[in-house]
Amino acid sequence: MEDAHIALPNFVSDLSVFAIMDGHGGSEVAQYTKQYLPPIIKASPYISTRKWKELLATAFHIHDEEIAKDPA
Protein backbone atom coordinates (compact mmCIF):
# COMPACT_ATOMS: atom_id res chain seq x y z
CA MET A 1 0.00 0.00 0.00
CA GLU A 2 2.57 2.52 -1.15
CA ASP A 3 1.11 6.00 -1.48
CA ALA A 4 4.36 7.88 -2.03
CA HIS A 5 8.06 7.32 -2.26
CA ILE A 6 11.22 9.40 -2.15
CA ALA A 7 14.19 8.54 -4.37
CA LEU A 8 16.93 11.16 -4.21
CA PRO A 9 20.20 9.48 -5.22
CA ASN A 10 22.24 12.71 -5.09
CA PHE A 11 20.53 14.42 -2.17
CA VAL A 12 23.66 16.19 -0.88
CA SER A 13 27.29 15.42 -1.71
CA ASP A 14 27.67 11.69 -0.97
CA LEU A 15 24.26 11.16 0.66
CA SER A 16 21.21 9.55 -0.94
CA VAL A 17 17.70 9.44 0.51
CA PHE A 18 15.19 6.70 -0.24
CA ALA A 19 11.88 6.19 1.57
CA ILE A 20 8.49 4.58 1.12
CA MET A 21 5.42 6.07 2.76
CA ASP A 22 3.05 3.14 3.18
CA GLY A 23 -0.13 5.15 3.50
CA HIS A 24 -1.25 4.03 6.94
CA GLY A 25 -1.83 7.69 7.74
CA GLY A 26 -3.67 8.17 4.47
CA SER A 27 -2.43 9.13 1.04
CA GLU A 28 -2.54 12.83 1.95
CA VAL A 29 -0.04 12.32 4.76
CA ALA A 30 2.20 10.26 2.49
CA GLN A 31 2.19 12.97 -0.19
CA TYR A 32 2.77 15.70 2.41
CA THR A 33 5.73 13.77 3.78
CA LYS A 34 7.18 13.28 0.31
CA GLN A 35 7.12 17.03 -0.25
CA TYR A 36 8.16 18.38 3.14
CA LEU A 37 10.45 15.84 4.82
CA PRO A 38 13.46 16.14 2.45
CA PRO A 39 13.93 19.90 3.04
CA ILE A 40 13.76 19.31 6.80
CA ILE A 41 16.47 16.66 6.52
CA LYS A 42 18.60 18.91 4.31
CA ALA A 43 18.36 21.79 6.80
CA SER A 44 19.42 19.64 9.76
CA PRO A 45 22.71 20.52 11.43
CA TYR A 46 23.27 16.78 11.89
CA ILE A 47 23.65 16.20 8.17
CA SER A 48 27.18 17.59 8.11
CA THR A 49 28.23 15.67 11.23
CA ARG A 50 26.70 12.44 9.87
CA LYS A 51 24.84 11.75 13.12
CA TRP A 52 22.08 9.79 11.45
CA LYS A 53 20.14 8.80 14.58
CA GLU A 54 19.91 12.42 15.75
CA LEU A 55 19.15 13.66 12.23
CA LEU A 56 16.23 11.30 11.72
CA ALA A 57 14.84 11.74 15.23
CA THR A 58 14.79 15.54 15.02
CA ALA A 59 13.59 15.57 11.40
CA PHE A 60 10.60 13.37 12.23
CA HIS A 61 9.75 15.45 15.31
CA ILE A 62 9.85 18.65 13.27
CA HIS A 63 7.78 17.00 10.54
CA ASP A 64 5.17 15.83 13.06
CA GLU A 65 4.91 19.35 14.48
CA GLU A 66 4.44 20.79 10.99
CA ILE A 67 1.72 18.27 10.14
CA ALA A 68 -0.13 19.18 13.34
CA LYS A 69 -0.02 22.89 12.40
CA ASP A 70 -1.05 22.49 8.75
CA PRO A 71 -4.71 23.50 8.34
CA ALA A 72 -5.17 21.27 5.27
PDB file of N, CA and C in Angstrom:
ATOM      1  N   MET A   1       0.839  -1.186   0.000  1.00  0.00           N
ATOM      2  CA  MET A   1       0.000   0.000   0.000  1.00  0.00           C
ATOM      3  C   MET A   1       0.879   1.242   0.000  1.00  0.00           C
ATOM      4  N   GLU A   2       1.668   1.374  -1.023  1.00  0.00           N
ATOM      5  CA  GLU A   2       2.566   2.521  -1.145  1.00  0.00           C
ATOM      6  C   GLU A   2       1.791   3.701  -1.724  1.00  0.00           C
ATOM      7  N   ASP A   3       1.772   4.804  -0.995  1.00  0.00           N
ATOM      8  CA  ASP A   3       1.111   6.002  -1.479  1.00  0.00           C
ATOM      9  C   ASP A   3       2.092   7.053  -1.971  1.00  0.00           C
ATOM     10  N   ALA A   4       3.343   6.941  -1.575  1.00  0.00           N
ATOM     11  CA  ALA A   4       4.363   7.879  -2.034  1.00  0.00           C
ATOM     12  C   ALA A   4       5.730   7.277  -1.755  1.00  0.00           C
ATOM     13  N   HIS A   5       6.692   7.736  -2.522  1.00  0.00           N
ATOM     14  CA  HIS A   5       8.060   7.317  -2.255  1.00  0.00           C
ATOM     15  C   HIS A   5       9.002   8.481  -2.552  1.00  0.00           C
ATOM     16  N   ILE A   6      10.171   8.415  -1.941  1.00  0.00           N
ATOM     17  CA  ILE A   6      11.220   9.401  -2.151  1.00  0.00           C
ATOM     18  C   ILE A   6      12.425   8.645  -2.686  1.00  0.00           C
ATOM     19  N   ALA A   7      12.980   9.123  -3.799  1.00  0.00           N
ATOM     20  CA  ALA A   7      14.191   8.538  -4.367  1.00  0.00           C
ATOM     21  C   ALA A   7      15.082   9.690  -4.809  1.00  0.00           C
ATOM     22  N   LEU A   8      16.028  10.045  -3.952  1.00  0.00           N
ATOM     23  CA  LEU A   8      16.930  11.163  -4.214  1.00  0.00           C
ATOM     24  C   LEU A   8      18.365  10.657  -4.143  1.00  0.00           C
ATOM     25  N   PRO A   9      18.876  10.100  -5.257  1.00  0.00           N
ATOM     26  CA  PRO A   9      20.202   9.479  -5.216  1.00  0.00           C
ATOM     27  C   PRO A   9      21.353  10.452  -4.984  1.00  0.00           C
ATOM     28  N   ASN A  10      21.183  11.707  -5.312  1.00  0.00           N
ATOM     29  CA  ASN A  10      22.235  12.712  -5.087  1.00  0.00           C
ATOM     30  C   ASN A  10      21.684  13.836  -4.223  1.00  0.00           C
ATOM     31  N   PHE A  11      21.203  13.466  -3.053  1.00  0.00           N
ATOM     32  CA  PHE A  11      20.527  14.425  -2.171  1.00  0.00           C
ATOM     33  C   PHE A  11      21.457  15.567  -1.782  1.00  0.00           C
ATOM     34  N   VAL A  12      22.572  15.244  -1.162  1.00  0.00           N
ATOM     35  CA  VAL A  12      23.656  16.193  -0.876  1.00  0.00           C
ATOM     36  C   VAL A  12      24.969  15.426  -0.940  1.00  0.00           C
ATOM     37  N   SER A  13      25.966  16.010  -1.501  1.00  0.00           N
ATOM     38  CA  SER A  13      27.295  15.415  -1.706  1.00  0.00           C
ATOM     39  C   SER A  13      27.235  13.895  -1.855  1.00  0.00           C
ATOM     40  N   ASP A  14      27.638  13.150  -0.854  1.00  0.00           N
ATOM     41  CA  ASP A  14      27.675  11.690  -0.969  1.00  0.00           C
ATOM     42  C   ASP A  14      26.534  11.012  -0.216  1.00  0.00           C
ATOM     43  N   LEU A  15      25.406  11.698  -0.076  1.00  0.00           N
ATOM     44  CA  LEU A  15      24.265  11.161   0.658  1.00  0.00           C
ATOM     45  C   LEU A  15      23.063  10.998  -0.267  1.00  0.00           C
ATOM     46  N   SER A  16      22.444   9.826  -0.207  1.00  0.00           N
ATOM     47  CA  SER A  16      21.211   9.554  -0.936  1.00  0.00           C
ATOM     48  C   SER A  16      20.086   9.339   0.063  1.00  0.00           C
ATOM     49  N   VAL A  17      18.863   9.641  -0.348  1.00  0.00           N
ATOM     50  CA  VAL A  17      17.699   9.443   0.508  1.00  0.00           C
ATOM     51  C   VAL A  17      16.656   8.641  -0.271  1.00  0.00           C
ATOM     52  N   PHE A  18      16.229   7.541   0.343  1.00  0.00           N
ATOM     53  CA  PHE A  18      15.193   6.699  -0.236  1.00  0.00           C
ATOM     54  C   PHE A  18      14.192   6.375   0.869  1.00  0.00           C
ATOM     55  N   ALA A  19      12.896   6.482   0.563  1.00  0.00           N
ATOM     56  CA  ALA A  19      11.879   6.190   1.572  1.00  0.00           C
ATOM     57  C   ALA A  19      10.581   5.776   0.884  1.00  0.00           C
ATOM     58  N   ILE A  20       9.815   4.970   1.575  1.00  0.00           N
ATOM     59  CA  ILE A  20       8.487   4.581   1.116  1.00  0.00           C
ATOM     60  C   ILE A  20       7.493   4.954   2.207  1.00  0.00           C
ATOM     61  N   MET A  21       6.491   5.725   1.833  1.00  0.00           N
ATOM     62  CA  MET A  21       5.424   6.069   2.758  1.00  0.00           C
ATOM     63  C   MET A  21       4.278   5.104   2.462  1.00  0.00           C
ATOM     64  N   ASP A  22       3.965   4.253   3.423  1.00  0.00           N
ATOM     65  CA  ASP A  22       3.052   3.141   3.178  1.00  0.00           C
ATOM     66  C   ASP A  22       1.575   3.518   3.220  1.00  0.00           C
ATOM     67  N   GLY A  23       1.248   4.711   3.572  1.00  0.00           N
ATOM     68  CA  GLY A  23      -0.135   5.151   3.497  1.00  0.00           C
ATOM     69  C   GLY A  23      -1.001   4.831   4.688  1.00  0.00           C
ATOM     70  N   HIS A  24      -0.427   4.323   5.773  1.00  0.00           N
ATOM     71  CA  HIS A  24      -1.250   4.032   6.938  1.00  0.00           C
ATOM     72  C   HIS A  24      -1.888   5.294   7.514  1.00  0.00           C
ATOM     73  N   GLY A  25      -1.243   6.432   7.301  1.00  0.00           N
ATOM     74  CA  GLY A  25      -1.825   7.694   7.742  1.00  0.00           C
ATOM     75  C   GLY A  25      -2.710   8.321   6.682  1.00  0.00           C
ATOM     76  N   GLY A  26      -2.879   7.643   5.576  1.00  0.00           N
ATOM     77  CA  GLY A  26      -3.665   8.171   4.469  1.00  0.00           C
ATOM     78  C   GLY A  26      -2.756   8.691   3.369  1.00  0.00           C
ATOM     79  N   SER A  27      -3.264   8.706   2.162  1.00  0.00           N
ATOM     80  CA  SER A  27      -2.429   9.134   1.040  1.00  0.00           C
ATOM     81  C   SER A  27      -2.035  10.603   1.156  1.00  0.00           C
ATOM     82  N   GLU A  28      -2.866  11.410   1.791  1.00  0.00           N
ATOM     83  CA  GLU A  28      -2.543  12.829   1.950  1.00  0.00           C
ATOM     84  C   GLU A  28      -1.301  13.010   2.818  1.00  0.00           C
ATOM     85  N   VAL A  29      -1.208  12.244   3.875  1.00  0.00           N
ATOM     86  CA  VAL A  29      -0.042  12.321   4.763  1.00  0.00           C
ATOM     87  C   VAL A  29       1.205  11.834   4.029  1.00  0.00           C
ATOM     88  N   ALA A  30       1.073  10.779   3.252  1.00  0.00           N
ATOM     89  CA  ALA A  30       2.202  10.260   2.489  1.00  0.00           C
ATOM     90  C   ALA A  30       2.701  11.296   1.484  1.00  0.00           C
ATOM     91  N   GLN A  31       1.795  11.944   0.782  1.00  0.00           N
ATOM     92  CA  GLN A  31       2.189  12.968  -0.186  1.00  0.00           C
ATOM     93  C   GLN A  31       2.792  14.191   0.505  1.00  0.00           C
ATOM     94  N   TYR A  32       2.234  14.577   1.630  1.00  0.00           N
ATOM     95  CA  TYR A  32       2.769  15.695   2.413  1.00  0.00           C
ATOM     96  C   TYR A  32       4.201  15.391   2.849  1.00  0.00           C
ATOM     97  N   THR A  33       4.405  14.177   3.328  1.00  0.00           N
ATOM     98  CA  THR A  33       5.734  13.767   3.781  1.00  0.00           C
ATOM     99  C   THR A  33       6.721  13.764   2.628  1.00  0.00           C
ATOM    100  N   LYS A  34       6.308  13.285   1.485  1.00  0.00           N
ATOM    101  CA  LYS A  34       7.179  13.277   0.306  1.00  0.00           C
ATOM    102  C   LYS A  34       7.656  14.686  -0.026  1.00  0.00           C
ATOM    103  N   GLN A  35       6.775  15.650   0.099  1.00  0.00           N
ATOM    104  CA  GLN A  35       7.118  17.027  -0.252  1.00  0.00           C
ATOM    105  C   GLN A  35       7.943  17.735   0.824  1.00  0.00           C
ATOM    106  N   TYR A  36       7.590  17.543   2.088  1.00  0.00           N
ATOM    107  CA  TYR A  36       8.160  18.380   3.139  1.00  0.00           C
ATOM    108  C   TYR A  36       9.273  17.756   3.976  1.00  0.00           C
ATOM    109  N   LEU A  37       9.393  16.443   4.004  1.00  0.00           N
ATOM    110  CA  LEU A  37      10.452  15.839   4.824  1.00  0.00           C
ATOM    111  C   LEU A  37      11.858  16.062   4.255  1.00  0.00           C
ATOM    112  N   PRO A  38      12.092  15.927   2.951  1.00  0.00           N
ATOM    113  CA  PRO A  38      13.457  16.137   2.453  1.00  0.00           C
ATOM    114  C   PRO A  38      14.066  17.507   2.782  1.00  0.00           C
ATOM    115  N   PRO A  39      13.329  18.618   2.654  1.00  0.00           N
ATOM    116  CA  PRO A  39      13.933  19.898   3.042  1.00  0.00           C
ATOM    117  C   PRO A  39      14.267  19.986   4.537  1.00  0.00           C
ATOM    118  N   ILE A  40      13.470  19.332   5.364  1.00  0.00           N
ATOM    119  CA  ILE A  40      13.759  19.310   6.805  1.00  0.00           C
ATOM    120  C   ILE A  40      15.062  18.559   7.048  1.00  0.00           C
ATOM    121  N   ILE A  41      15.228  17.436   6.376  1.00  0.00           N
ATOM    122  CA  ILE A  41      16.468  16.659   6.519  1.00  0.00           C
ATOM    123  C   ILE A  41      17.659  17.480   6.034  1.00  0.00           C
ATOM    124  N   LYS A  42      17.499  18.130   4.888  1.00  0.00           N
ATOM    125  CA  LYS A  42      18.598  18.906   4.310  1.00  0.00           C
ATOM    126  C   LYS A  42      19.013  20.066   5.207  1.00  0.00           C
ATOM    127  N   ALA A  43      18.074  20.643   5.933  1.00  0.00           N
ATOM    128  CA  ALA A  43      18.361  21.786   6.804  1.00  0.00           C
ATOM    129  C   ALA A  43      18.937  21.379   8.163  1.00  0.00           C
ATOM    130  N   SER A  44      18.956  20.102   8.454  1.00  0.00           N
ATOM    131  CA  SER A  44      19.416  19.644   9.762  1.00  0.00           C
ATOM    132  C   SER A  44      20.909  19.878   9.966  1.00  0.00           C
ATOM    133  N   PRO A  45      21.283  20.366  11.143  1.00  0.00           N
ATOM    134  CA  PRO A  45      22.712  20.520  11.433  1.00  0.00           C
ATOM    135  C   PRO A  45      23.424  19.175  11.557  1.00  0.00           C
ATOM    136  N   TYR A  46      22.671  18.112  11.742  1.00  0.00           N
ATOM    137  CA  TYR A  46      23.272  16.783  11.892  1.00  0.00           C
ATOM    138  C   TYR A  46      23.712  16.176  10.560  1.00  0.00           C
ATOM    139  N   ILE A  47      23.283  16.766   9.464  1.00  0.00           N
ATOM    140  CA  ILE A  47      23.648  16.195   8.173  1.00  0.00           C
ATOM    141  C   ILE A  47      25.147  16.311   7.926  1.00  0.00           C
ATOM    142  N   SER A  48      25.744  17.413   8.336  1.00  0.00           N
ATOM    143  CA  SER A  48      27.184  17.592   8.113  1.00  0.00           C
ATOM    144  C   SER A  48      28.031  16.772   9.087  1.00  0.00           C
ATOM    145  N   THR A  49      27.480  16.464  10.247  1.00  0.00           N
ATOM    146  CA  THR A  49      28.227  15.672  11.232  1.00  0.00           C
ATOM    147  C   THR A  49      27.971  14.174  11.078  1.00  0.00           C
ATOM    148  N   ARG A  50      27.036  13.836  10.178  1.00  0.00           N
ATOM    149  CA  ARG A  50      26.701  12.441   9.874  1.00  0.00           C
ATOM    150  C   ARG A  50      26.201  11.689  11.109  1.00  0.00           C
ATOM    151  N   LYS A  51      25.470  12.381  11.948  1.00  0.00           N
ATOM    152  CA  LYS A  51      24.839  11.754  13.119  1.00  0.00           C
ATOM    153  C   LYS A  51      23.424  11.373  12.697  1.00  0.00           C
ATOM    154  N   TRP A  52      23.322  10.194  12.090  1.00  0.00           N
ATOM    155  CA  TRP A  52      22.078   9.785  11.452  1.00  0.00           C
ATOM    156  C   TRP A  52      20.934   9.596  12.440  1.00  0.00           C
ATOM    157  N   LYS A  53      21.205   9.021  13.592  1.00  0.00           N
ATOM    158  CA  LYS A  53      20.143   8.803  14.581  1.00  0.00           C
ATOM    159  C   LYS A  53      19.537  10.140  15.009  1.00  0.00           C
ATOM    160  N   GLU A  54      20.381  11.101  15.320  1.00  0.00           N
ATOM    161  CA  GLU A  54      19.906  12.417  15.745  1.00  0.00           C
ATOM    162  C   GLU A  54      19.199  13.135  14.592  1.00  0.00           C
ATOM    163  N   LEU A  55      19.749  13.006  13.389  1.00  0.00           N
ATOM    164  CA  LEU A  55      19.149  13.655  12.233  1.00  0.00           C
ATOM    165  C   LEU A  55      17.722  13.158  12.014  1.00  0.00           C
ATOM    166  N   LEU A  56      17.558  11.844  11.974  1.00  0.00           N
ATOM    167  CA  LEU A  56      16.233  11.302  11.725  1.00  0.00           C
ATOM    168  C   LEU A  56      15.258  11.593  12.858  1.00  0.00           C
ATOM    169  N   ALA A  57      15.724  11.474  14.086  1.00  0.00           N
ATOM    170  CA  ALA A  57      14.837  11.739  15.230  1.00  0.00           C
ATOM    171  C   ALA A  57      14.331  13.178  15.202  1.00  0.00           C
ATOM    172  N   THR A  58      15.224  14.139  15.022  1.00  0.00           N
ATOM    173  CA  THR A  58      14.793  15.538  15.015  1.00  0.00           C
ATOM    174  C   THR A  58      13.971  15.865  13.769  1.00  0.00           C
ATOM    175  N   ALA A  59      14.344  15.298  12.629  1.00  0.00           N
ATOM    176  CA  ALA A  59      13.585  15.571  11.400  1.00  0.00           C
ATOM    177  C   ALA A  59      12.147  15.076  11.529  1.00  0.00           C
ATOM    178  N   PHE A  60      11.962  13.889  12.080  1.00  0.00           N
ATOM    179  CA  PHE A  60      10.604  13.369  12.227  1.00  0.00           C
ATOM    180  C   PHE A  60       9.805  14.150  13.267  1.00  0.00           C
ATOM    181  N   HIS A  61      10.455  14.629  14.324  1.00  0.00           N
ATOM    182  CA  HIS A  61       9.748  15.449  15.310  1.00  0.00           C
ATOM    183  C   HIS A  61       9.303  16.771  14.684  1.00  0.00           C
ATOM    184  N   ILE A  62      10.202  17.392  13.938  1.00  0.00           N
ATOM    185  CA  ILE A  62       9.849  18.647  13.269  1.00  0.00           C
ATOM    186  C   ILE A  62       8.709  18.409  12.281  1.00  0.00           C
ATOM    187  N   HIS A  63       8.815  17.340  11.524  1.00  0.00           N
ATOM    188  CA  HIS A  63       7.785  17.004  10.541  1.00  0.00           C
ATOM    189  C   HIS A  63       6.428  16.775  11.223  1.00  0.00           C
ATOM    190  N   ASP A  64       6.413  16.053  12.320  1.00  0.00           N
ATOM    191  CA  ASP A  64       5.173  15.828  13.064  1.00  0.00           C
ATOM    192  C   ASP A  64       4.567  17.140  13.542  1.00  0.00           C
ATOM    193  N   GLU A  65       5.402  18.047  14.031  1.00  0.00           N
ATOM    194  CA  GLU A  65       4.908  19.351  14.484  1.00  0.00           C
ATOM    195  C   GLU A  65       4.306  20.139  13.320  1.00  0.00           C
ATOM    196  N   GLU A  66       4.949  20.074  12.149  1.00  0.00           N
ATOM    197  CA  GLU A  66       4.437  20.787  10.986  1.00  0.00           C
ATOM    198  C   GLU A  66       3.110  20.207  10.509  1.00  0.00           C
ATOM    199  N   ILE A  67       2.988  18.897  10.535  1.00  0.00           N
ATOM    200  CA  ILE A  67       1.718  18.273  10.141  1.00  0.00           C
ATOM    201  C   ILE A  67       0.602  18.718  11.076  1.00  0.00           C
ATOM    202  N   ALA A  68       0.888  18.792  12.355  1.00  0.00           N
ATOM    203  CA  ALA A  68      -0.127  19.184  13.340  1.00  0.00           C
ATOM    204  C   ALA A  68      -0.573  20.635  13.127  1.00  0.00           C
ATOM    205  N   LYS A  69       0.308  21.488  12.623  1.00  0.00           N
ATOM    206  CA  LYS A  69      -0.018  22.893  12.397  1.00  0.00           C
ATOM    207  C   LYS A  69      -0.728  23.147  11.074  1.00  0.00           C
ATOM    208  N   ASP A  70      -0.516  22.276  10.087  1.00  0.00           N
ATOM    209  CA  ASP A  70      -1.047  22.492   8.749  1.00  0.00           C
ATOM    210  C   ASP A  70      -2.579  22.421   8.766  1.00  0.00           C
ATOM    211  N   PRO A  71      -3.252  23.489   8.298  1.00  0.00           N
ATOM    212  CA  PRO A  71      -4.714  23.497   8.335  1.00  0.00           C
ATOM    213  C   PRO A  71      -5.364  22.578   7.304  1.00  0.00           C
ATOM    214  N   ALA A  72      -4.605  22.129   6.316  1.00  0.00           N
ATOM    215  CA  ALA A  72      -5.173  21.267   5.267  1.00  0.00           C
ATOM    216  C   ALA A  72      -5.352  19.907   5.830  1.00  0.00           C
TER     217      ALA A  72
END
